[in-house]
Amino acid sequence: MNKLKLKHKITLATVGVIGLAVIANIYFNRNPDRNIPTTGNLVAPADGVIMSIENNMIEIFIRLTDVHVQRVPCDCTIVAIDNVDNYNDTFTLNTEFGTILLHRMGGILARSLRSFAKIGDLLKKGQPYGRILLGSHCWITVPPTLNILVKVGDSLIAGETIIA
């Protein structure tokens, strides 16, 4: 009888661990619909909190609880993608405001990036272009002709929060 109880407990524990893994996977891979504003010039490329703003470059820390999908800040054409390695890349966008750089860096946990877009793609404001698996950082270089409307410590919602 003890062997049967132990086998039952092991089975329940295994099912529980698998269930938690499935729920965590669904949570981290979510991509909710966003209400893309028609006003404002640029929207946030990532969910997260602003860590720094220097020389028109905004650093966004993507928290574990944030959505990990990145979105383009405005209508654009992707003119270059520089893949430094599996967890570090830069997208160069041609926009009506000038050139915008979007740099992504994966985190310690996953260190993996996925791209949905390729060179030559025409993307609309707020459209997803990639995902950082388990997050970390995203930087956007804002053209000097635009005024940055956010500050360090602000929380952002990708595709919704107007940043410039």
Protein backbone atom coordinates (compact mmCIF):
# COMPACT_ATOMS: atom_id res chain seq x y z
CA MET A 1 0.00 0.00 0.00
CA ASN A 2 2.86 2.42 0.75
CA LYS A 3 4.35 1.88 -2.71
CA LEU A 4 1.00 2.73 -4.29
CA LYS A 5 0.66 5.95 -2.25
CA LEU A 6 4.22 6.98 -3.11
CA LYS A 7 3.62 6.29 -6.81
CA HIS A 8 0.40 8.35 -6.64
CA LYS A 9 2.22 11.28 -4.97
CA ILE A 10 5.00 11.18 -7.58
CA THR A 11 2.43 11.17 -10.38
CA LEU A 12 0.57 14.13 -8.87
CA ALA A 13 3.82 16.04 -8.39
CA THR A 14 4.85 15.37 -12.00
CA VAL A 15 1.46 16.50 -13.33
CA GLY A 16 1.69 19.61 -11.14
CA VAL A 17 5.17 20.53 -12.41
CA ILE A 18 4.13 19.99 -16.04
CA GLY A 19 0.97 22.05 -15.47
CA LEU A 20 2.96 24.94 -13.98
CA ALA A 21 5.41 24.80 -16.90
CA VAL A 22 2.55 24.98 -19.42
CA ILE A 23 0.94 27.94 -17.60
CA ALA A 24 4.30 29.76 -17.38
CA ASN A 25 4.92 29.17 -21.10
CA ILE A 26 1.50 30.57 -22.04
CA TYR A 27 2.02 33.58 -19.75
CA PHE A 28 5.48 34.45 -21.09
CA ASN A 29 4.44 34.02 -24.73
CA ARG A 30 1.32 36.16 -24.57
CA ASN A 31 0.83 38.88 -27.17
CA PRO A 32 -2.29 40.86 -26.27
CA ASP A 33 -4.02 43.19 -28.70
CA ARG A 34 -2.97 46.79 -28.22
CA ASN A 35 -4.84 50.04 -28.87
CA ILE A 36 -2.37 51.83 -31.11
CA PRO A 37 -2.85 55.63 -30.83
CA THR A 38 -3.23 57.67 -34.00
CA THR A 39 -1.87 60.74 -32.22
CA GLY A 40 1.75 61.25 -31.18
CA ASN A 41 4.81 60.46 -33.23
CA LEU A 42 6.42 57.42 -31.58
CA VAL A 43 5.01 54.71 -29.34
CA ALA A 44 7.03 52.58 -26.93
CA PRO A 45 8.75 49.62 -28.61
CA ALA A 46 8.57 47.47 -25.45
CA ASP A 47 6.69 47.00 -22.20
CA GLY A 48 8.78 47.88 -19.19
CA VAL A 49 10.21 50.74 -17.18
CA ILE A 50 12.56 53.47 -18.41
CA MET A 51 16.00 53.04 -16.84
CA SER A 52 17.82 55.91 -18.56
CA ILE A 53 17.55 58.58 -21.25
CA GLU A 54 20.85 59.80 -22.69
CA ASN A 55 21.70 61.39 -26.06
CA ASN A 56 18.18 60.69 -27.40
CA MET A 57 18.52 57.00 -26.45
CA ILE A 58 15.85 55.54 -24.17
CA GLU A 59 16.73 52.37 -22.24
CA ILE A 60 13.74 50.18 -21.32
CA PHE A 61 14.05 47.36 -18.78
CA ILE A 62 11.58 44.58 -19.58
CA ARG A 63 10.45 43.03 -16.31
CA LEU A 64 9.64 39.35 -15.92
CA THR A 65 5.92 40.20 -15.67
CA ASP A 66 5.86 42.37 -18.82
CA VAL A 67 4.80 41.25 -22.28
CA HIS A 68 8.01 40.30 -24.11
CA VAL A 69 6.89 41.23 -27.65
CA GLN A 70 8.50 44.33 -29.17
CA ARG A 71 6.63 46.65 -31.55
CA VAL A 72 7.79 49.28 -34.05
CA PRO A 73 7.35 52.86 -32.78
CA CYS A 74 5.92 54.25 -36.05
CA ASP A 75 5.30 53.38 -39.69
CA CYS A 76 8.64 52.27 -41.08
CA THR A 77 10.73 50.18 -43.42
CA ILE A 78 13.34 47.88 -41.94
CA VAL A 79 16.58 48.74 -43.72
CA ALA A 80 19.05 46.69 -41.67
CA ILE A 81 19.21 44.03 -38.97
CA ASP A 82 22.51 43.55 -37.18
CA ASN A 83 22.53 40.24 -35.29
CA VAL A 84 25.47 40.48 -32.92
CA ASP A 85 24.70 37.07 -31.42
CA ASN A 86 21.71 35.03 -30.24
CA TYR A 87 20.82 37.56 -27.54
CA ASN A 88 21.82 40.93 -28.98
CA ASP A 89 20.53 42.65 -32.16
CA THR A 90 19.82 46.06 -33.69
CA PHE A 91 17.08 46.97 -36.18
CA THR A 92 17.55 50.09 -38.31
CA LEU A 93 14.26 51.68 -39.35
CA ASN A 94 13.67 54.25 -42.06
CA THR A 95 10.80 56.51 -40.94
CA GLU A 96 9.26 59.87 -41.83
CA PHE A 97 11.14 61.28 -38.80
CA GLY A 98 14.53 59.95 -39.87
CA THR A 99 16.48 56.85 -38.90
CA ILE A 100 15.47 55.04 -35.72
CA LEU A 101 17.56 52.32 -34.10
CA LEU A 102 15.97 49.60 -31.97
CA HIS A 103 18.47 47.55 -29.98
CA ARG A 104 17.47 44.45 -28.03
CA MET A 105 19.43 42.41 -25.52
CA GLY A 106 18.21 39.16 -24.02
CA GLY A 107 18.35 38.44 -20.32
CA ILE A 108 20.41 36.15 -18.14
CA LEU A 109 17.65 33.52 -18.00
CA ALA A 110 16.94 32.92 -21.67
CA ARG A 111 19.35 34.94 -23.82
CA SER A 112 17.27 34.34 -26.89
CA LEU A 113 15.66 36.69 -29.40
CA ARG A 114 13.03 35.99 -32.04
CA SER A 115 12.41 38.26 -35.01
CA PHE A 116 9.10 38.43 -36.86
CA ALA A 117 10.36 40.95 -39.45
CA LYS A 118 13.07 41.00 -42.09
CA ILE A 119 14.94 43.59 -44.12
CA GLY A 120 12.63 45.38 -46.56
CA ASP A 121 9.45 44.82 -44.54
CA LEU A 122 7.02 47.75 -44.34
CA LEU A 123 5.54 47.83 -40.84
CA LYS A 124 2.77 49.95 -39.35
CA LYS A 125 2.99 51.78 -36.03
CA GLY A 126 2.64 49.31 -33.15
CA GLN A 127 3.10 46.18 -35.30
CA PRO A 128 5.18 43.43 -33.62
CA TYR A 129 8.70 42.95 -34.98
CA GLY A 130 10.13 40.50 -32.45
CA ARG A 131 10.23 39.01 -28.99
CA ILE A 132 12.86 38.72 -26.29
CA LEU A 133 12.34 35.41 -24.54
CA LEU A 134 12.13 36.19 -20.81
CA GLY A 135 13.11 39.78 -21.47
CA SER A 136 15.81 42.12 -20.40
CA HIS A 137 16.45 45.39 -22.26
CA CYS A 138 15.37 47.33 -25.31
CA TRP A 139 16.81 50.68 -26.45
CA ILE A 140 15.33 53.14 -28.92
CA THR A 141 17.27 56.00 -30.45
CA VAL A 142 14.83 58.85 -31.01
CA PRO A 143 15.58 61.24 -33.92
CA PRO A 144 16.77 64.64 -32.62
CA THR A 145 13.87 66.38 -34.40
CA LEU A 146 11.41 64.84 -31.90
CA ASN A 147 10.83 65.75 -28.25
CA ILE A 148 11.00 62.88 -25.76
CA LEU A 149 7.81 62.94 -23.67
CA VAL A 150 8.71 60.30 -21.05
CA LYS A 151 11.12 60.26 -18.10
CA VAL A 152 13.21 57.80 -16.12
CA GLY A 153 10.98 55.59 -13.98
CA ASP A 154 7.94 55.75 -16.29
CA SER A 155 6.20 52.45 -17.05
CA LEU A 156 5.54 51.77 -20.72
CA ILE A 157 3.10 49.65 -22.70
CA ALA A 158 4.48 48.65 -26.10
CA GLY A 159 2.49 50.09 -28.97
CA GLU A 160 0.32 52.23 -26.66
CA THR A 161 2.48 54.63 -24.63
CA ILE A 162 3.47 57.71 -26.64
CA ILE A 163 7.16 58.42 -26.02
CA ALA A 164 7.88 61.26 -28.52
